[in-house]
Amino acid sequence: MQALLARSFALLAREQPQAHGRFLMPLAGLAVALKIDAEHFTAAFTSTQAHLRAVDGQESITVGTSRRTILEVLDDRRTLTEAVLSNAVEVVGSLEVLLRAHEGLIRYVHGAVRCAGFASLLHQLRLTCADAAHPALP
């Protein structure tokens, strides 16, 4: 997931630079600890870039979920609100910071749907979910 997210940030910057700038505005100065299945990493934001790094305990927000839940939301089988209320997505942070993060997420999605390259990233996400559901036998 970390590699896919890093590629998505680079793709958004390359294919939709204005949308990338709008996405970063509410997120500048934030660091979000992400736990997606067994992966733990941080997405940190400045006014000009998003980058991923190791978790260091200085994050403003913590988000935990699964790849499967991400796909359910992307495929409109579950809303983000439903996922949060059912604890399929767990978020911890102050209200002010969570609102900024939510605005950044909305702007990210608005840019992503305008990037031709995101279809390939979504396909790769689906493959990782299929691999997780059917692990290879030794």
N, C-alpha and C. Protein backbone atom coordinates (compact mmCIF):
# COMPACT_ATOMS: atom_id res chain seq x y z
N MET A 1 0.82 -1.20 0.00
CA MET A 1 0.00 0.00 0.00
C MET A 1 0.86 1.26 0.00
N GLN A 2 1.96 1.22 0.75
CA GLN A 2 2.80 2.41 0.82
C GLN A 2 3.32 2.76 -0.57
N ALA A 3 3.77 1.77 -1.32
CA ALA A 3 4.29 2.04 -2.67
C ALA A 3 3.19 2.57 -3.58
N LEU A 4 2.00 1.99 -3.50
CA LEU A 4 0.88 2.47 -4.33
C LEU A 4 0.52 3.91 -3.99
N LEU A 5 0.48 4.22 -2.70
CA LEU A 5 0.14 5.58 -2.29
C LEU A 5 1.20 6.57 -2.76
N ALA A 6 2.47 6.20 -2.64
CA ALA A 6 3.55 7.08 -3.11
C ALA A 6 3.42 7.32 -4.61
N ARG A 7 3.13 6.27 -5.36
CA ARG A 7 2.95 6.43 -6.81
C ARG A 7 1.74 7.31 -7.11
N SER A 8 0.69 7.19 -6.31
CA SER A 8 -0.50 8.01 -6.56
C SER A 8 -0.22 9.49 -6.33
N PHE A 9 0.56 9.80 -5.29
CA PHE A 9 0.92 11.20 -5.03
C PHE A 9 1.73 11.76 -6.20
N ALA A 10 2.70 10.98 -6.69
CA ALA A 10 3.53 11.43 -7.82
C ALA A 10 2.70 11.58 -9.09
N LEU A 11 1.79 10.66 -9.30
CA LEU A 11 0.92 10.71 -10.48
C LEU A 11 0.01 11.93 -10.44
N LEU A 12 -0.57 12.21 -9.30
CA LEU A 12 -1.42 13.39 -9.17
C LEU A 12 -0.62 14.66 -9.44
N ALA A 13 0.59 14.74 -8.91
CA ALA A 13 1.44 15.92 -9.14
C ALA A 13 1.77 16.08 -10.62
N ARG A 14 2.03 14.97 -11.30
CA ARG A 14 2.42 15.02 -12.71
C ARG A 14 1.23 15.28 -13.64
N GLU A 15 0.12 14.56 -13.44
CA GLU A 15 -1.00 14.66 -14.37
C GLU A 15 -1.97 15.80 -14.06
N GLN A 16 -2.08 16.17 -12.80
CA GLN A 16 -3.02 17.22 -12.40
C GLN A 16 -2.35 18.14 -11.38
N PRO A 17 -1.36 18.93 -11.79
CA PRO A 17 -0.61 19.73 -10.82
C PRO A 17 -1.47 20.72 -10.04
N GLN A 18 -2.49 21.30 -10.67
CA GLN A 18 -3.34 22.23 -9.92
C GLN A 18 -4.15 21.49 -8.86
N ALA A 19 -4.68 20.33 -9.20
CA ALA A 19 -5.42 19.53 -8.23
C ALA A 19 -4.49 19.07 -7.10
N HIS A 20 -3.26 18.75 -7.45
CA HIS A 20 -2.27 18.36 -6.45
C HIS A 20 -2.04 19.50 -5.45
N GLY A 21 -1.91 20.70 -5.96
CA GLY A 21 -1.74 21.86 -5.08
C GLY A 21 -2.94 22.08 -4.18
N ARG A 22 -4.16 21.93 -4.73
CA ARG A 22 -5.38 22.09 -3.92
C ARG A 22 -5.47 21.00 -2.85
N PHE A 23 -5.07 19.79 -3.20
CA PHE A 23 -5.08 18.66 -2.27
C PHE A 23 -4.17 18.94 -1.07
N LEU A 24 -3.02 19.55 -1.32
CA LEU A 24 -2.05 19.80 -0.24
C LEU A 24 -2.44 20.94 0.68
N MET A 25 -3.23 21.89 0.19
CA MET A 25 -3.53 23.09 0.99
C MET A 25 -4.03 22.78 2.40
N PRO A 26 -5.09 21.99 2.57
CA PRO A 26 -5.57 21.76 3.94
C PRO A 26 -4.68 20.81 4.75
N LEU A 27 -3.80 20.09 4.05
CA LEU A 27 -2.98 19.08 4.72
C LEU A 27 -1.61 19.58 5.15
N ALA A 28 -1.20 20.74 4.64
CA ALA A 28 0.14 21.25 4.92
C ALA A 28 0.41 21.28 6.43
N GLY A 29 1.52 20.69 6.82
CA GLY A 29 1.90 20.64 8.22
C GLY A 29 1.40 19.41 8.97
N LEU A 30 0.56 18.61 8.34
CA LEU A 30 0.02 17.42 9.00
C LEU A 30 0.86 16.19 8.69
N ALA A 31 0.86 15.27 9.61
CA ALA A 31 1.44 13.94 9.42
C ALA A 31 0.38 12.94 9.88
N VAL A 32 0.10 11.96 9.03
CA VAL A 32 -0.96 10.99 9.30
C VAL A 32 -0.34 9.59 9.40
N ALA A 33 -0.46 8.97 10.56
CA ALA A 33 0.00 7.59 10.73
C ALA A 33 -1.05 6.68 10.11
N LEU A 34 -0.62 5.82 9.21
CA LEU A 34 -1.52 4.90 8.52
C LEU A 34 -1.17 3.46 8.88
N LYS A 35 -2.20 2.72 9.22
CA LYS A 35 -2.06 1.27 9.43
C LYS A 35 -3.05 0.63 8.48
N ILE A 36 -2.53 0.06 7.41
CA ILE A 36 -3.38 -0.59 6.40
C ILE A 36 -2.97 -2.06 6.38
N ASP A 37 -3.84 -2.89 6.90
CA ASP A 37 -3.52 -4.29 7.14
C ASP A 37 -2.25 -4.34 7.99
N ALA A 38 -1.21 -5.01 7.53
CA ALA A 38 0.01 -5.15 8.35
C ALA A 38 1.02 -4.02 8.12
N GLU A 39 0.74 -3.12 7.19
CA GLU A 39 1.68 -2.02 6.90
C GLU A 39 1.43 -0.83 7.82
N HIS A 40 2.51 -0.25 8.32
CA HIS A 40 2.44 0.94 9.16
C HIS A 40 3.41 1.96 8.57
N PHE A 41 2.91 3.14 8.23
CA PHE A 41 3.76 4.20 7.70
C PHE A 41 3.05 5.52 7.91
N THR A 42 3.75 6.61 7.62
CA THR A 42 3.20 7.95 7.80
C THR A 42 3.17 8.68 6.47
N ALA A 43 2.08 9.37 6.21
CA ALA A 43 1.99 10.32 5.09
C ALA A 43 2.14 11.71 5.71
N ALA A 44 3.18 12.42 5.29
CA ALA A 44 3.46 13.76 5.81
C ALA A 44 3.32 14.76 4.67
N PHE A 45 2.81 15.94 5.00
CA PHE A 45 2.45 16.92 3.97
C PHE A 45 3.07 18.28 4.25
N THR A 46 3.55 18.91 3.17
CA THR A 46 3.96 20.30 3.20
C THR A 46 3.05 21.03 2.22
N SER A 47 3.29 22.30 2.01
CA SER A 47 2.47 23.04 1.05
C SER A 47 2.81 22.67 -0.39
N THR A 48 3.91 21.95 -0.61
CA THR A 48 4.31 21.61 -1.98
C THR A 48 4.42 20.12 -2.26
N GLN A 49 4.42 19.29 -1.23
CA GLN A 49 4.57 17.85 -1.50
C GLN A 49 3.99 16.98 -0.39
N ALA A 50 3.72 15.75 -0.79
CA ALA A 50 3.33 14.70 0.14
C ALA A 50 4.42 13.65 0.08
N HIS A 51 4.85 13.15 1.21
CA HIS A 51 5.84 12.09 1.20
C HIS A 51 5.53 11.08 2.30
N LEU A 52 6.06 9.89 2.12
CA LEU A 52 5.82 8.81 3.05
C LEU A 52 7.10 8.50 3.81
N ARG A 53 6.93 8.16 5.08
CA ARG A 53 8.08 7.88 5.93
C ARG A 53 7.65 6.91 7.03
N ALA A 54 8.60 6.53 7.85
CA ALA A 54 8.31 5.65 8.98
C ALA A 54 7.52 6.42 10.04
N VAL A 55 6.70 5.70 10.77
CA VAL A 55 5.95 6.28 11.89
C VAL A 55 6.96 6.67 12.98
N ASP A 56 6.81 7.89 13.52
CA ASP A 56 7.74 8.33 14.57
C ASP A 56 7.05 8.85 15.83
N GLY A 57 5.72 8.73 15.89
CA GLY A 57 5.00 9.18 17.07
C GLY A 57 4.64 10.65 17.08
N GLN A 58 5.03 11.38 16.04
CA GLN A 58 4.74 12.82 15.96
C GLN A 58 3.52 13.11 15.08
N GLU A 59 2.78 12.10 14.70
CA GLU A 59 1.65 12.26 13.79
C GLU A 59 0.48 12.96 14.47
N SER A 60 -0.25 13.74 13.68
CA SER A 60 -1.43 14.47 14.16
C SER A 60 -2.67 13.59 14.18
N ILE A 61 -2.68 12.58 13.31
CA ILE A 61 -3.84 11.71 13.12
C ILE A 61 -3.34 10.28 12.98
N THR A 62 -4.16 9.35 13.43
CA THR A 62 -3.90 7.94 13.19
C THR A 62 -5.12 7.37 12.47
N VAL A 63 -4.87 6.62 11.39
CA VAL A 63 -5.94 5.99 10.62
C VAL A 63 -5.58 4.52 10.46
N GLY A 64 -6.53 3.66 10.75
CA GLY A 64 -6.34 2.23 10.56
C GLY A 64 -7.48 1.65 9.74
N THR A 65 -7.15 0.80 8.78
CA THR A 65 -8.16 0.16 7.94
C THR A 65 -7.52 -1.01 7.20
N SER A 66 -8.26 -1.54 6.25
CA SER A 66 -7.76 -2.65 5.43
C SER A 66 -7.87 -2.27 3.95
N ARG A 67 -7.11 -2.97 3.13
CA ARG A 67 -7.21 -2.76 1.68
C ARG A 67 -8.63 -3.08 1.21
N ARG A 68 -9.19 -4.13 1.79
CA ARG A 68 -10.55 -4.53 1.39
C ARG A 68 -11.55 -3.40 1.67
N THR A 69 -11.45 -2.76 2.82
CA THR A 69 -12.35 -1.65 3.14
C THR A 69 -12.13 -0.48 2.18
N ILE A 70 -10.88 -0.20 1.86
CA ILE A 70 -10.60 0.87 0.89
C ILE A 70 -11.32 0.58 -0.42
N LEU A 71 -11.22 -0.66 -0.90
CA LEU A 71 -11.91 -1.01 -2.15
C LEU A 71 -13.43 -0.92 -2.01
N GLU A 72 -13.97 -1.32 -0.88
CA GLU A 72 -15.42 -1.22 -0.67
C GLU A 72 -15.88 0.23 -0.79
N VAL A 73 -15.11 1.15 -0.24
CA VAL A 73 -15.47 2.58 -0.33
C VAL A 73 -15.28 3.06 -1.77
N LEU A 74 -14.17 2.71 -2.40
CA LEU A 74 -13.93 3.15 -3.79
C LEU A 74 -14.98 2.60 -4.74
N ASP A 75 -15.44 1.38 -4.49
CA ASP A 75 -16.44 0.74 -5.35
C ASP A 75 -17.88 1.11 -4.97
N ASP A 76 -18.04 2.00 -3.99
CA ASP A 76 -19.35 2.47 -3.54
C ASP A 76 -20.22 1.33 -2.98
N ARG A 77 -19.56 0.34 -2.36
CA ARG A 77 -20.30 -0.71 -1.66
C ARG A 77 -20.50 -0.34 -0.20
N ARG A 78 -19.80 0.72 0.22
CA ARG A 78 -19.89 1.22 1.59
C ARG A 78 -19.43 2.67 1.54
N THR A 79 -20.11 3.54 2.27
CA THR A 79 -19.65 4.93 2.32
C THR A 79 -18.52 5.04 3.34
N LEU A 80 -17.76 6.10 3.22
CA LEU A 80 -16.70 6.34 4.20
C LEU A 80 -17.30 6.49 5.59
N THR A 81 -18.44 7.18 5.68
CA THR A 81 -19.11 7.34 6.97
C THR A 81 -19.49 5.98 7.55
N GLU A 82 -20.07 5.10 6.74
CA GLU A 82 -20.43 3.76 7.21
C GLU A 82 -19.19 3.00 7.69
N ALA A 83 -18.11 3.14 6.95
CA ALA A 83 -16.87 2.44 7.32
C ALA A 83 -16.34 2.94 8.66
N VAL A 84 -16.42 4.24 8.89
CA VAL A 84 -15.96 4.80 10.17
C VAL A 84 -16.89 4.36 11.30
N LEU A 85 -18.19 4.47 11.09
CA LEU A 85 -19.15 4.13 12.14
C LEU A 85 -19.11 2.65 12.52
N SER A 86 -18.73 1.79 11.58
CA SER A 86 -18.64 0.36 11.86
C SER A 86 -17.24 -0.05 12.34
N ASN A 87 -16.37 0.93 12.49
CA ASN A 87 -14.97 0.70 12.90
C ASN A 87 -14.14 -0.05 11.87
N ALA A 88 -14.61 -0.13 10.63
CA ALA A 88 -13.79 -0.69 9.55
C ALA A 88 -12.68 0.30 9.20
N VAL A 89 -12.92 1.57 9.47
CA VAL A 89 -11.90 2.62 9.41
C VAL A 89 -11.89 3.26 10.79
N GLU A 90 -10.74 3.25 11.42
CA GLU A 90 -10.60 3.87 12.74
C GLU A 90 -9.75 5.13 12.58
N VAL A 91 -10.26 6.25 13.08
CA VAL A 91 -9.53 7.51 13.00
C VAL A 91 -9.43 8.12 14.39
N VAL A 92 -8.25 8.64 14.69
CA VAL A 92 -8.01 9.27 15.98
C VAL A 92 -7.28 10.58 15.71
N GLY A 93 -7.86 11.66 16.23
CA GLY A 93 -7.25 12.97 16.09
C GLY A 93 -8.22 14.03 16.57
N SER A 94 -7.74 15.26 16.70
CA SER A 94 -8.62 16.35 17.11
C SER A 94 -9.61 16.65 15.98
N LEU A 95 -10.75 17.19 16.33
CA LEU A 95 -11.77 17.50 15.33
C LEU A 95 -11.22 18.42 14.25
N GLU A 96 -10.52 19.47 14.64
CA GLU A 96 -9.98 20.43 13.67
C GLU A 96 -9.06 19.74 12.67
N VAL A 97 -8.20 18.86 13.15
CA VAL A 97 -7.26 18.17 12.27
C VAL A 97 -7.99 17.14 11.41
N LEU A 98 -8.97 16.45 11.97
CA LEU A 98 -9.74 15.48 11.19
C LEU A 98 -10.51 16.16 10.07
N LEU A 99 -11.04 17.35 10.33
CA LEU A 99 -11.75 18.09 9.27
C LEU A 99 -10.79 18.50 8.16
N ARG A 100 -9.59 18.92 8.51
CA ARG A 100 -8.59 19.25 7.49
C ARG A 100 -8.23 18.01 6.66
N ALA A 101 -8.04 16.90 7.34
CA ALA A 101 -7.70 15.66 6.65
C ALA A 101 -8.82 15.22 5.72
N HIS A 102 -10.05 15.35 6.18
CA HIS A 102 -11.20 14.98 5.34
C HIS A 102 -11.25 15.86 4.09
N GLU A 103 -11.04 17.15 4.26
CA GLU A 103 -11.03 18.06 3.10
C GLU A 103 -9.91 17.67 2.13
N GLY A 104 -8.74 17.34 2.66
CA GLY A 104 -7.65 16.89 1.80
C GLY A 104 -7.99 15.62 1.05
N LEU A 105 -8.64 14.67 1.73
CA LEU A 105 -9.04 13.42 1.09
C LEU A 105 -10.02 13.69 -0.05
N ILE A 106 -11.00 14.55 0.18
CA ILE A 106 -11.97 14.89 -0.87
C ILE A 106 -11.24 15.49 -2.07
N ARG A 107 -10.32 16.40 -1.82
CA ARG A 107 -9.57 17.04 -2.91
C ARG A 107 -8.68 16.03 -3.64
N TYR A 108 -8.11 15.09 -2.90
CA TYR A 108 -7.30 14.02 -3.51
C TYR A 108 -8.16 13.22 -4.49
N VAL A 109 -9.34 12.82 -4.05
CA VAL A 109 -10.24 12.03 -4.90
C VAL A 109 -10.67 12.84 -6.12
N HIS A 110 -10.97 14.12 -5.93
CA HIS A 110 -11.37 14.96 -7.06
C HIS A 110 -10.26 15.03 -8.11
N GLY A 111 -9.02 15.09 -7.68
CA GLY A 111 -7.90 15.08 -8.62
C GLY A 111 -7.68 13.71 -9.23
N ALA A 112 -7.78 12.68 -8.41
CA ALA A 112 -7.51 11.31 -8.86
C ALA A 112 -8.43 10.88 -9.99
N VAL A 113 -9.70 11.24 -9.91
CA VAL A 113 -10.64 10.82 -10.95
C VAL A 113 -10.35 11.49 -12.29
N ARG A 114 -9.52 12.51 -12.28
CA ARG A 114 -9.14 13.20 -13.52
C ARG A 114 -7.79 12.74 -14.05
N CYS A 115 -7.17 11.77 -13.40
CA CYS A 115 -5.86 11.25 -13.81
C CYS A 115 -6.04 9.90 -14.51
N ALA A 116 -5.64 9.84 -15.76
CA ALA A 116 -5.75 8.58 -16.50
C ALA A 116 -4.97 7.45 -15.83
N GLY A 117 -3.85 7.77 -15.24
CA GLY A 117 -3.00 6.75 -14.64
C GLY A 117 -3.56 6.09 -13.39
N PHE A 118 -4.59 6.66 -12.80
CA PHE A 118 -5.14 6.08 -11.58
C PHE A 118 -5.85 4.75 -11.84
N ALA A 119 -6.31 4.51 -13.05
CA ALA A 119 -6.96 3.23 -13.36
C ALA A 119 -5.98 2.08 -13.13
N SER A 120 -4.73 2.27 -13.52
CA SER A 120 -3.72 1.23 -13.32
C SER A 120 -3.45 1.01 -11.83
N LEU A 121 -3.41 2.09 -11.05
CA LEU A 121 -3.19 1.95 -9.61
C LEU A 121 -4.34 1.21 -8.95
N LEU A 122 -5.56 1.51 -9.37
CA LEU A 122 -6.73 0.82 -8.82
C LEU A 122 -6.67 -0.67 -9.16
N HIS A 123 -6.27 -0.98 -10.38
CA HIS A 123 -6.12 -2.38 -10.78
C HIS A 123 -5.09 -3.09 -9.90
N GLN A 124 -3.98 -2.42 -9.63
CA GLN A 124 -2.95 -3.01 -8.77
C GLN A 124 -3.47 -3.21 -7.34
N LEU A 125 -4.27 -2.28 -6.85
CA LEU A 125 -4.86 -2.44 -5.53
C LEU A 125 -5.77 -3.67 -5.50
N ARG A 126 -6.56 -3.83 -6.55
CA ARG A 126 -7.44 -5.01 -6.63
C ARG A 126 -6.62 -6.30 -6.61
N LEU A 127 -5.51 -6.30 -7.32
CA LEU A 127 -4.65 -7.49 -7.34
C LEU A 127 -4.09 -7.80 -5.96
N THR A 128 -3.70 -6.77 -5.22
CA THR A 128 -3.16 -7.02 -3.88
C THR A 128 -4.25 -7.57 -2.96
N CYS A 129 -5.48 -7.14 -3.16
CA CYS A 129 -6.59 -7.68 -2.35
C CYS A 129 -6.85 -9.13 -2.72
N ALA A 130 -6.80 -9.44 -4.00
CA ALA A 130 -7.02 -10.81 -4.44
C ALA A 130 -5.90 -11.71 -3.92
N ASP A 131 -4.66 -11.22 -3.95
CA ASP A 131 -3.53 -12.00 -3.43
C ASP A 131 -3.69 -12.26 -1.94
N ALA A 132 -4.17 -11.27 -1.20
CA ALA A 132 -4.35 -11.42 0.25
C ALA A 132 -5.46 -12.42 0.56
N ALA A 133 -6.49 -12.45 -0.29
CA ALA A 133 -7.61 -13.36 -0.07
C ALA A 133 -7.25 -14.80 -0.41
N HIS A 134 -6.29 -14.97 -1.33
CA HIS A 134 -5.89 -16.30 -1.78
C HIS A 134 -4.37 -16.41 -1.75
N PRO A 135 -3.77 -16.51 -0.56
CA PRO A 135 -2.31 -16.57 -0.49
C PRO A 135 -1.76 -17.80 -1.20
N ALA A 136 -0.58 -17.63 -1.76
CA ALA A 136 0.06 -18.74 -2.47
C ALA A 136 0.42 -19.85 -1.48
N LEU A 137 0.28 -21.06 -1.92
CA LEU A 137 0.65 -22.20 -1.08
C LEU A 137 2.17 -22.38 -1.11
N PRO A 138 2.75 -22.86 -0.01
CA PRO A 138 4.21 -23.06 0.01
C PRO A 138 4.66 -24.17 -0.90
